[in-house]
Protein backbone atom coordinates (compact mmCIF):
# COMPACT_ATOMS: atom_id res chain seq x y z
CA UNK A 1 0.00 0.00 0.00
CA UNK A 2 2.80 2.40 0.83
CA UNK A 3 4.55 1.62 -2.45
CA UNK A 4 1.31 2.30 -4.32
CA UNK A 5 0.78 5.51 -2.33
CA UNK A 6 -2.76 4.56 -1.42
CA UNK A 7 -4.52 2.09 0.82
CA UNK A 8 -7.26 1.64 3.36
CA UNK A 9 -7.07 -0.50 6.47
CA UNK A 10 -10.35 -0.94 8.31
CA UNK A 11 -10.24 -2.83 11.57
CA UNK A 12 -13.32 -4.10 13.35
CA UNK A 13 -13.15 -2.97 16.96
CA UNK A 14 -16.43 -4.39 18.26
CA UNK A 15 -16.41 -4.23 22.03
CA UNK A 16 -13.19 -2.21 22.04
CA UNK A 17 -15.06 0.82 23.34
CA UNK A 18 -16.88 -1.01 26.12
CA UNK A 19 -16.62 -4.02 28.37
CA UNK A 20 -18.79 -7.05 28.79
CA UNK A 21 -19.03 -9.48 31.69
CA UNK A 22 -17.61 -12.91 30.95
CA UNK A 23 -15.84 -11.86 27.76
CA UNK A 24 -12.44 -10.71 29.02
CA UNK A 25 -10.33 -12.30 26.29
CA UNK A 26 -12.59 -11.00 23.50
CA UNK A 27 -12.77 -7.49 24.96
CA UNK A 28 -9.00 -7.39 25.57
CA UNK A 29 -8.38 -8.41 21.95
CA UNK A 30 -10.71 -5.69 20.65
CA UNK A 31 -9.05 -3.07 22.87
CA UNK A 32 -5.75 -4.21 21.36
CA UNK A 33 -7.14 -3.76 17.85
CA UNK A 34 -8.00 -0.15 18.68
CA UNK A 35 -4.48 0.48 19.98
CA UNK A 36 -3.03 -1.08 16.84
CA UNK A 37 -5.33 1.12 14.75
CA UNK A 38 -4.02 4.28 16.43
CA UNK A 39 -0.36 3.27 16.05
CA UNK A 40 -0.72 2.19 12.42
CA UNK A 41 -2.58 5.41 11.62
CA UNK A 42 0.24 7.47 13.12
CA UNK A 43 2.88 5.43 11.32
CA UNK A 44 1.13 6.06 8.01
CA UNK A 45 -0.03 9.62 8.62
CA UNK A 46 2.15 11.07 5.85
CA UNK A 47 1.30 8.41 3.31
CA UNK A 48 -1.81 7.73 1.28
CA UNK A 49 -2.68 4.86 3.62
CA UNK A 50 -5.39 5.41 6.21
CA UNK A 51 -6.13 3.15 9.16
CA UNK A 52 -9.44 3.35 11.02
CA UNK A 53 -11.72 1.12 13.05
CA UNK A 54 -15.43 0.41 12.88
CA UNK A 55 -16.88 -0.44 16.29
CA UNK A 56 -20.24 -2.10 15.83
CA UNK A 57 -22.48 -2.97 18.69
CA UNK A 58 -24.63 -6.06 18.49
CA UNK A 59 -25.19 -7.55 15.04
CA UNK A 60 -27.75 -10.35 14.77
CA UNK A 61 -25.48 -13.35 14.25
CA UNK A 62 -25.88 -17.00 15.30
CA UNK A 63 -23.60 -16.29 18.31
CA UNK A 64 -25.78 -13.38 19.43
CA UNK A 65 -28.91 -15.48 18.94
CA UNK A 66 -27.40 -18.05 21.32
CA UNK A 67 -27.02 -15.30 23.90
CA UNK A 68 -30.64 -14.25 23.42
CA UNK A 69 -31.77 -17.87 23.75
CA UNK A 70 -29.70 -18.29 26.92
CA UNK A 71 -31.31 -15.22 28.49
CA UNK A 72 -34.77 -16.47 27.51
CA UNK A 73 -34.11 -19.87 29.08
CA UNK A 74 -32.36 -18.58 32.20
CA UNK A 75 -34.99 -15.94 32.95
CA UNK A 76 -38.05 -17.72 31.54
CA UNK A 77 -38.80 -14.88 29.14
CA UNK A 78 -39.19 -14.93 25.38
CA UNK A 79 -40.04 -11.65 23.69
CA UNK A 80 -38.08 -9.63 26.24
CA UNK A 81 -34.80 -11.59 25.90
CA UNK A 82 -33.73 -9.70 22.77
CA UNK A 83 -34.56 -6.34 24.36
CA UNK A 84 -32.75 -7.32 27.55
CA UNK A 85 -29.55 -8.20 25.66
CA UNK A 86 -29.64 -5.10 23.49
CA UNK A 87 -30.72 -2.80 26.30
CA UNK A 88 -27.50 -3.46 28.19
CA UNK A 89 -25.26 -1.95 25.53
CA UNK A 90 -27.36 -0.73 22.59
CA UNK A 91 -29.86 1.96 23.66
CA UNK A 92 -31.70 1.98 20.33
CA UNK A 93 -32.67 -1.67 21.03
CA UNK A 94 -31.97 -2.41 17.35
CA UNK A 95 -29.21 -4.52 15.87
CA UNK A 96 -26.57 -2.88 13.69
CA UNK A 97 -26.85 -4.46 10.26
CA UNK A 98 -24.11 -5.84 8.06
CA UNK A 99 -25.36 -3.44 5.36
CA UNK A 100 -24.81 -0.44 7.64
CA UNK A 101 -21.35 -1.65 8.58
CA UNK A 102 -20.49 -2.29 4.93
CA UNK A 103 -21.65 1.15 3.88
CA UNK A 104 -19.51 2.72 6.59
CA UNK A 105 -16.54 0.72 5.28
CA UNK A 106 -17.24 1.99 1.75
CA UNK A 107 -17.25 5.56 3.09
CA UNK A 108 -13.89 4.98 4.80
CA UNK A 109 -12.50 3.89 1.41
CA UNK A 110 -13.73 7.06 -0.28
CA UNK A 111 -11.88 10.31 -0.89
CA UNK A 112 -14.22 11.98 1.61
CA UNK A 113 -12.50 10.00 4.38
CA UNK A 114 -8.91 10.55 3.21
CA UNK A 115 -8.09 12.65 6.28
CA UNK A 116 -9.73 10.29 8.75
CA UNK A 117 -6.88 8.48 10.47
CA UNK A 118 -7.06 6.44 13.64
CA UNK A 119 -10.81 7.02 14.00
CA UNK A 120 -13.00 4.71 16.10
CA UNK A 121 -16.40 4.89 14.47
CA UNK A 122 -19.24 3.57 16.61
CA UNK A 123 -22.30 2.03 15.02
CA UNK A 124 -24.06 0.84 18.14
CA UNK A 125 -27.36 2.64 18.46
CA UNK A 126 -26.13 5.05 21.11
């Protein structure tokens, strides 16, 4: 990328801007990704390479569905399990979509984002 004089690195920071009980290894890794994003952005600040991070909140994936199901079983609730999971970290109570995340990535690849370096862009309904 440096040789070409242009490039875009987009890291996925997920829970890098928050914590979550029982997920210490995952959260630590995501915090590390955000640190790496900042350093790489600084190291490439005078090149055509930008480095940024997208930090999505909950996205409806099979893993997240397992968490919803576990809440529903543990607390004997059904309709409220989704809202309970999202309500803890995602005030909008809506999932971020892969389309929204993809469109943000496309923006980060555009000329409009050429001076965005080391940014942590939340897409978490807050």
